[in-house]
Structures are given as structure tokens and as C-alpha cells.
Amino acid sequence: MSRVKGGVIRHKRQKKVLKNAKGYVGGRSKLFRTAKETHFRAMAYAFRDRKQRKRHFRRLWITRISAGCEMSGINYSQFIAALSRANVAVDRKILADLAFSDMPAFEEVVRVAKAHMMN
């Protein structure tokens, strides 16, 4: 049986890992074994955080809407419930942007919500 040398494939694989590990500090970008461990962990964090980013943004939007509601004299849960009763199809991202950058427009949305509030 002939001898198989895996040098080319091995170097390709290592080169690929080290290329992905560019920018890591110290041996994490130079040494294959530590670079491989670090890169593997980084990819796991990246996968997890793509999911968490959506949660974090939703929390931010809710916080901004809540602050805008507080300035308008209504609380967040009443505001959202009133908007759904009024059939206003504006998502939290847009509402947060209005509350953050265009307060008069947000006040108008609050006025519509207050008109549909249950007492």
C-alpha cells in the first residue's frame, strides 16, 4: 500500500483557520491550536448573538416607547393595548423611532391610542 502524505491538505486547513483568526490578540492569531479554539468559540458566540440581537433591539424599542409614553401621561401596556384596539399596525421599531426622533408624530399616535382606551 502506498504512503499518503497529508501535508498540502493540512496546510490549507490550518491556513484557513489562521486567516479567520486574523485580528485576534497574541498567539490566538499566530498559533494554530489556540487560534482554532478561539475561532470555534467565536463562531459559537456569533451564532448565539445573532439570536440575542433581536431580543436586545426589542428591549431597546420598548424602553424608548415607554419613555415617550411616560412623557405623554400613559403607560406602555395601556398604550400598546389601545393601539391594537384602534387597529394601528405600527410595529415597535417604528414607534421607538418616532418617540426618539419625532415627538410630535408620536404624540399624535398617543392621541389616537387614548381615544381607544378602555376606562
N, C-alpha and C. Protein backbone atom coordinates (compact mmCIF):
# COMPACT_ATOMS: atom_id res chain seq x y z
N MET A 1 0.84 -1.19 0.00
CA MET A 1 0.00 0.00 0.00
C MET A 1 0.88 1.25 0.00
N SER A 2 0.50 2.23 -0.77
CA SER A 2 1.32 3.44 -0.87
C SER A 2 1.10 4.37 0.32
N ARG A 3 2.09 5.16 0.57
CA ARG A 3 2.07 6.09 1.71
C ARG A 3 1.35 7.37 1.31
N VAL A 4 0.44 7.86 2.21
CA VAL A 4 -0.29 9.09 1.92
C VAL A 4 0.24 10.19 2.83
N LYS A 5 0.65 11.25 2.22
CA LYS A 5 1.13 12.39 3.00
C LYS A 5 0.07 13.50 2.90
N GLY A 6 -0.39 14.00 4.05
CA GLY A 6 -1.47 14.98 4.05
C GLY A 6 -1.01 16.40 4.21
N GLY A 7 0.22 16.67 3.82
CA GLY A 7 0.80 17.98 4.06
C GLY A 7 0.04 19.13 3.42
N VAL A 8 -0.31 18.99 2.16
CA VAL A 8 -0.96 20.08 1.43
C VAL A 8 -2.34 20.39 2.03
N ILE A 9 -3.11 19.32 2.26
CA ILE A 9 -4.45 19.50 2.83
C ILE A 9 -4.37 20.09 4.23
N ARG A 10 -3.41 19.58 5.02
CA ARG A 10 -3.24 20.06 6.39
C ARG A 10 -2.90 21.55 6.39
N HIS A 11 -1.97 21.94 5.54
CA HIS A 11 -1.56 23.35 5.50
C HIS A 11 -2.70 24.24 5.03
N LYS A 12 -3.50 23.75 4.08
CA LYS A 12 -4.66 24.51 3.60
C LYS A 12 -5.65 24.75 4.74
N ARG A 13 -5.91 23.67 5.50
CA ARG A 13 -6.87 23.77 6.61
C ARG A 13 -6.36 24.75 7.67
N GLN A 14 -5.08 24.62 8.01
CA GLN A 14 -4.51 25.50 9.03
C GLN A 14 -4.49 26.95 8.56
N LYS A 15 -4.17 27.13 7.29
CA LYS A 15 -4.13 28.48 6.71
C LYS A 15 -5.51 29.14 6.77
N LYS A 16 -6.55 28.32 6.50
CA LYS A 16 -7.92 28.82 6.53
C LYS A 16 -8.30 29.28 7.95
N VAL A 17 -7.92 28.46 8.94
CA VAL A 17 -8.23 28.82 10.34
C VAL A 17 -7.46 30.07 10.75
N LEU A 18 -6.19 30.14 10.41
CA LEU A 18 -5.38 31.29 10.79
C LEU A 18 -5.85 32.55 10.07
N LYS A 19 -6.35 32.40 8.85
CA LYS A 19 -6.89 33.56 8.13
C LYS A 19 -8.13 34.10 8.86
N ASN A 20 -8.98 33.18 9.32
CA ASN A 20 -10.18 33.58 10.06
C ASN A 20 -9.85 34.18 11.43
N ALA A 21 -8.67 33.80 11.97
CA ALA A 21 -8.27 34.26 13.29
C ALA A 21 -7.50 35.58 13.23
N LYS A 22 -7.45 36.19 12.07
CA LYS A 22 -6.76 37.47 11.92
C LYS A 22 -7.38 38.51 12.85
N GLY A 23 -6.55 39.25 13.53
CA GLY A 23 -7.06 40.30 14.41
C GLY A 23 -7.16 39.86 15.85
N TYR A 24 -7.07 38.57 16.11
CA TYR A 24 -7.08 38.10 17.49
C TYR A 24 -5.74 38.48 18.13
N VAL A 25 -5.71 38.56 19.45
CA VAL A 25 -4.53 39.06 20.15
C VAL A 25 -3.53 37.95 20.41
N GLY A 26 -2.25 38.25 20.20
CA GLY A 26 -1.16 37.35 20.56
C GLY A 26 -1.18 36.03 19.80
N GLY A 27 -0.96 34.95 20.56
CA GLY A 27 -0.90 33.62 19.98
C GLY A 27 -2.22 33.16 19.40
N ARG A 28 -3.29 33.80 19.78
CA ARG A 28 -4.60 33.41 19.28
C ARG A 28 -4.71 33.64 17.76
N SER A 29 -3.84 34.49 17.23
CA SER A 29 -3.86 34.70 15.78
C SER A 29 -2.67 34.06 15.08
N LYS A 30 -1.70 33.56 15.86
CA LYS A 30 -0.48 33.03 15.25
C LYS A 30 -0.35 31.52 15.39
N LEU A 31 -0.81 30.96 16.51
CA LEU A 31 -0.64 29.54 16.78
C LEU A 31 -1.91 28.79 16.40
N PHE A 32 -1.74 27.70 15.65
CA PHE A 32 -2.91 27.03 15.09
C PHE A 32 -3.86 26.53 16.17
N ARG A 33 -3.33 25.86 17.19
CA ARG A 33 -4.22 25.23 18.16
C ARG A 33 -5.05 26.26 18.93
N THR A 34 -4.41 27.31 19.41
CA THR A 34 -5.16 28.34 20.15
C THR A 34 -6.06 29.13 19.22
N ALA A 35 -5.60 29.34 17.99
CA ALA A 35 -6.43 30.06 17.01
C ALA A 35 -7.69 29.25 16.71
N LYS A 36 -7.53 27.92 16.58
CA LYS A 36 -8.67 27.05 16.29
C LYS A 36 -9.68 27.10 17.43
N GLU A 37 -9.21 27.00 18.67
CA GLU A 37 -10.10 27.05 19.84
C GLU A 37 -10.84 28.39 19.90
N THR A 38 -10.09 29.46 19.73
CA THR A 38 -10.67 30.80 19.82
C THR A 38 -11.68 31.03 18.71
N HIS A 39 -11.33 30.61 17.52
CA HIS A 39 -12.24 30.81 16.38
C HIS A 39 -13.52 29.99 16.55
N PHE A 40 -13.38 28.76 17.05
CA PHE A 40 -14.55 27.91 17.28
C PHE A 40 -15.49 28.57 18.29
N ARG A 41 -14.91 29.09 19.36
CA ARG A 41 -15.71 29.76 20.39
C ARG A 41 -16.35 31.04 19.82
N ALA A 42 -15.59 31.76 19.01
CA ALA A 42 -16.11 33.00 18.41
C ALA A 42 -17.31 32.72 17.52
N MET A 43 -17.25 31.63 16.76
CA MET A 43 -18.36 31.28 15.89
C MET A 43 -19.59 30.88 16.71
N ALA A 44 -19.37 30.22 17.86
CA ALA A 44 -20.48 29.85 18.74
C ALA A 44 -21.14 31.11 19.30
N TYR A 45 -20.32 32.07 19.71
CA TYR A 45 -20.86 33.34 20.23
C TYR A 45 -21.61 34.08 19.13
N ALA A 46 -21.07 34.04 17.92
CA ALA A 46 -21.71 34.75 16.80
C ALA A 46 -23.08 34.16 16.53
N PHE A 47 -23.18 32.83 16.54
CA PHE A 47 -24.46 32.16 16.31
C PHE A 47 -25.46 32.54 17.40
N ARG A 48 -25.02 32.48 18.66
CA ARG A 48 -25.88 32.81 19.79
C ARG A 48 -26.33 34.27 19.73
N ASP A 49 -25.40 35.16 19.41
CA ASP A 49 -25.69 36.59 19.47
C ASP A 49 -26.52 37.09 18.30
N ARG A 50 -26.55 36.34 17.19
CA ARG A 50 -27.47 36.72 16.13
C ARG A 50 -28.91 36.60 16.62
N LYS A 51 -29.15 35.63 17.50
CA LYS A 51 -30.49 35.48 18.08
C LYS A 51 -30.72 36.56 19.15
N GLN A 52 -29.69 36.81 19.97
CA GLN A 52 -29.84 37.76 21.07
C GLN A 52 -30.00 39.19 20.59
N ARG A 53 -29.41 39.51 19.42
CA ARG A 53 -29.51 40.87 18.90
C ARG A 53 -30.97 41.28 18.73
N LYS A 54 -31.79 40.34 18.27
CA LYS A 54 -33.21 40.62 18.07
C LYS A 54 -33.88 40.95 19.39
N ARG A 55 -33.52 40.19 20.45
CA ARG A 55 -34.08 40.45 21.79
C ARG A 55 -33.63 41.80 22.31
N HIS A 56 -32.36 42.09 22.13
CA HIS A 56 -31.81 43.34 22.66
C HIS A 56 -32.46 44.56 21.99
N PHE A 57 -32.64 44.48 20.68
CA PHE A 57 -33.27 45.60 20.00
C PHE A 57 -34.72 45.78 20.43
N ARG A 58 -35.43 44.67 20.62
CA ARG A 58 -36.82 44.77 21.07
C ARG A 58 -36.87 45.43 22.45
N ARG A 59 -35.95 45.06 23.34
CA ARG A 59 -35.89 45.69 24.67
C ARG A 59 -35.63 47.19 24.56
N LEU A 60 -34.72 47.57 23.67
CA LEU A 60 -34.41 48.98 23.46
C LEU A 60 -35.63 49.73 22.96
N TRP A 61 -36.32 49.14 21.97
CA TRP A 61 -37.51 49.80 21.42
C TRP A 61 -38.58 49.97 22.49
N ILE A 62 -38.79 48.95 23.30
CA ILE A 62 -39.81 49.03 24.35
C ILE A 62 -39.44 50.10 25.36
N THR A 63 -38.16 50.21 25.70
CA THR A 63 -37.71 51.23 26.64
C THR A 63 -37.96 52.63 26.09
N ARG A 64 -37.65 52.83 24.81
CA ARG A 64 -37.86 54.15 24.19
C ARG A 64 -39.35 54.50 24.09
N ILE A 65 -40.16 53.52 23.73
CA ILE A 65 -41.61 53.76 23.64
C ILE A 65 -42.15 54.08 25.03
N SER A 66 -41.69 53.34 26.03
CA SER A 66 -42.14 53.54 27.40
C SER A 66 -41.79 54.94 27.89
N ALA A 67 -40.59 55.41 27.55
CA ALA A 67 -40.18 56.76 27.94
C ALA A 67 -41.06 57.81 27.26
N GLY A 68 -41.36 57.59 25.98
CA GLY A 68 -42.23 58.51 25.25
C GLY A 68 -43.64 58.51 25.82
N CYS A 69 -44.12 57.33 26.20
CA CYS A 69 -45.47 57.22 26.79
C CYS A 69 -45.52 57.94 28.13
N GLU A 70 -44.48 57.78 28.91
CA GLU A 70 -44.42 58.42 30.23
C GLU A 70 -44.51 59.94 30.09
N MET A 71 -43.84 60.47 29.07
CA MET A 71 -43.89 61.92 28.85
C MET A 71 -45.29 62.36 28.39
N SER A 72 -46.04 61.41 27.82
CA SER A 72 -47.38 61.73 27.32
C SER A 72 -48.48 61.39 28.32
N GLY A 73 -48.10 60.87 29.46
CA GLY A 73 -49.07 60.60 30.50
C GLY A 73 -49.85 59.30 30.33
N ILE A 74 -49.23 58.29 29.77
CA ILE A 74 -49.87 56.99 29.59
C ILE A 74 -48.79 55.94 29.81
N ASN A 75 -49.16 54.76 30.32
CA ASN A 75 -48.11 53.76 30.48
C ASN A 75 -48.05 52.84 29.25
N TYR A 76 -46.96 52.11 29.15
CA TYR A 76 -46.65 51.35 27.94
C TYR A 76 -47.71 50.29 27.63
N SER A 77 -48.10 49.53 28.64
CA SER A 77 -49.03 48.43 28.39
C SER A 77 -50.39 48.94 27.94
N GLN A 78 -50.85 50.02 28.55
CA GLN A 78 -52.13 50.62 28.13
C GLN A 78 -52.02 51.14 26.69
N PHE A 79 -50.88 51.74 26.39
CA PHE A 79 -50.64 52.31 25.06
C PHE A 79 -50.71 51.21 23.98
N ILE A 80 -50.00 50.11 24.20
CA ILE A 80 -49.95 49.02 23.22
C ILE A 80 -51.33 48.38 23.08
N ALA A 81 -52.03 48.19 24.20
CA ALA A 81 -53.37 47.60 24.15
C ALA A 81 -54.32 48.51 23.38
N ALA A 82 -54.23 49.82 23.62
CA ALA A 82 -55.11 50.77 22.93
C ALA A 82 -54.80 50.82 21.43
N LEU A 83 -53.53 50.71 21.08
CA LEU A 83 -53.17 50.69 19.66
C LEU A 83 -53.74 49.46 18.95
N SER A 84 -53.72 48.32 19.62
CA SER A 84 -54.26 47.12 18.99
C SER A 84 -55.79 47.23 18.85
N ARG A 85 -56.44 47.88 19.83
CA ARG A 85 -57.89 48.11 19.73
C ARG A 85 -58.22 49.07 18.59
N ALA A 86 -57.32 50.03 18.36
CA ALA A 86 -57.54 51.03 17.31
C ALA A 86 -57.13 50.50 15.93
N ASN A 87 -56.63 49.26 15.88
CA ASN A 87 -56.15 48.64 14.63
C ASN A 87 -55.04 49.46 13.97
N VAL A 88 -54.15 50.00 14.78
CA VAL A 88 -52.99 50.73 14.27
C VAL A 88 -51.87 49.70 14.07
N ALA A 89 -51.47 49.50 12.84
CA ALA A 89 -50.47 48.48 12.51
C ALA A 89 -49.08 49.11 12.38
N VAL A 90 -48.58 49.64 13.48
CA VAL A 90 -47.23 50.21 13.51
C VAL A 90 -46.43 49.37 14.49
N ASP A 91 -45.28 48.86 14.04
CA ASP A 91 -44.51 47.99 14.93
C ASP A 91 -43.67 48.81 15.92
N ARG A 92 -43.07 48.09 16.87
CA ARG A 92 -42.33 48.74 17.95
C ARG A 92 -41.10 49.50 17.44
N LYS A 93 -40.49 49.00 16.39
CA LYS A 93 -39.31 49.66 15.83
C LYS A 93 -39.66 51.08 15.35
N ILE A 94 -40.78 51.20 14.63
CA ILE A 94 -41.20 52.50 14.11
C ILE A 94 -41.66 53.40 15.25
N LEU A 95 -42.42 52.83 16.20
CA LEU A 95 -42.88 53.61 17.34
C LEU A 95 -41.70 54.15 18.14
N ALA A 96 -40.67 53.32 18.33
CA ALA A 96 -39.48 53.75 19.07
C ALA A 96 -38.77 54.87 18.33
N ASP A 97 -38.70 54.77 17.01
CA ASP A 97 -38.05 55.81 16.21
C ASP A 97 -38.82 57.12 16.33
N LEU A 98 -40.15 57.02 16.30
CA LEU A 98 -40.97 58.23 16.46
C LEU A 98 -40.76 58.85 17.84
N ALA A 99 -40.78 58.00 18.87
CA ALA A 99 -40.62 58.50 20.24
C ALA A 99 -39.24 59.13 20.44
N PHE A 100 -38.25 58.59 19.74
CA PHE A 100 -36.87 59.06 19.90
C PHE A 100 -36.57 60.31 19.09
N SER A 101 -37.11 60.38 17.86
CA SER A 101 -36.67 61.46 16.98
C SER A 101 -37.78 62.42 16.54
N ASP A 102 -39.05 62.02 16.64
CA ASP A 102 -40.13 62.87 16.16
C ASP A 102 -41.28 62.86 17.17
N MET A 103 -41.11 63.62 18.24
CA MET A 103 -42.07 63.59 19.34
C MET A 103 -43.47 64.08 18.94
N PRO A 104 -43.62 65.09 18.10
CA PRO A 104 -44.98 65.49 17.71
C PRO A 104 -45.76 64.37 17.01
N ALA A 105 -45.10 63.62 16.16
CA ALA A 105 -45.76 62.50 15.48
C ALA A 105 -46.13 61.42 16.49
N PHE A 106 -45.23 61.18 17.45
CA PHE A 106 -45.52 60.18 18.49
C PHE A 106 -46.71 60.63 19.34
N GLU A 107 -46.77 61.93 19.64
CA GLU A 107 -47.91 62.48 20.40
C GLU A 107 -49.22 62.23 19.67
N GLU A 108 -49.19 62.32 18.36
CA GLU A 108 -50.39 62.07 17.55
C GLU A 108 -50.83 60.61 17.67
N VAL A 109 -49.86 59.70 17.66
CA VAL A 109 -50.17 58.28 17.82
C VAL A 109 -50.73 58.03 19.23
N VAL A 110 -50.17 58.70 20.22
CA VAL A 110 -50.67 58.57 21.60
C VAL A 110 -52.10 59.10 21.68
N ARG A 111 -52.38 60.18 20.98
CA ARG A 111 -53.73 60.73 20.98
C ARG A 111 -54.74 59.73 20.41
N VAL A 112 -54.33 59.06 19.32
CA VAL A 112 -55.20 58.03 18.73
C VAL A 112 -55.40 56.88 19.72
N ALA A 113 -54.34 56.50 20.39
CA ALA A 113 -54.42 55.40 21.38
C ALA A 113 -55.33 55.79 22.54
N LYS A 114 -55.19 57.03 23.01
CA LYS A 114 -56.02 57.47 24.15
C LYS A 114 -57.49 57.49 23.78
N ALA A 115 -57.79 57.76 22.51
CA ALA A 115 -59.18 57.76 22.07
C ALA A 115 -59.79 56.36 22.12
N HIS A 116 -58.94 55.32 22.04
CA HIS A 116 -59.44 53.95 22.03
C HIS A 116 -59.15 53.22 23.36
N MET A 117 -58.79 53.96 24.39
CA MET A 117 -58.52 53.33 25.68
C MET A 117 -59.83 52.94 26.36
N MET A 118 -59.77 51.83 27.09
CA MET A 118 -60.93 51.43 27.90
C MET A 118 -60.74 51.99 29.30
N ASN A 119 -61.79 52.58 29.85
CA ASN A 119 -61.66 53.16 31.20
C ASN A 119 -62.17 52.24 32.26
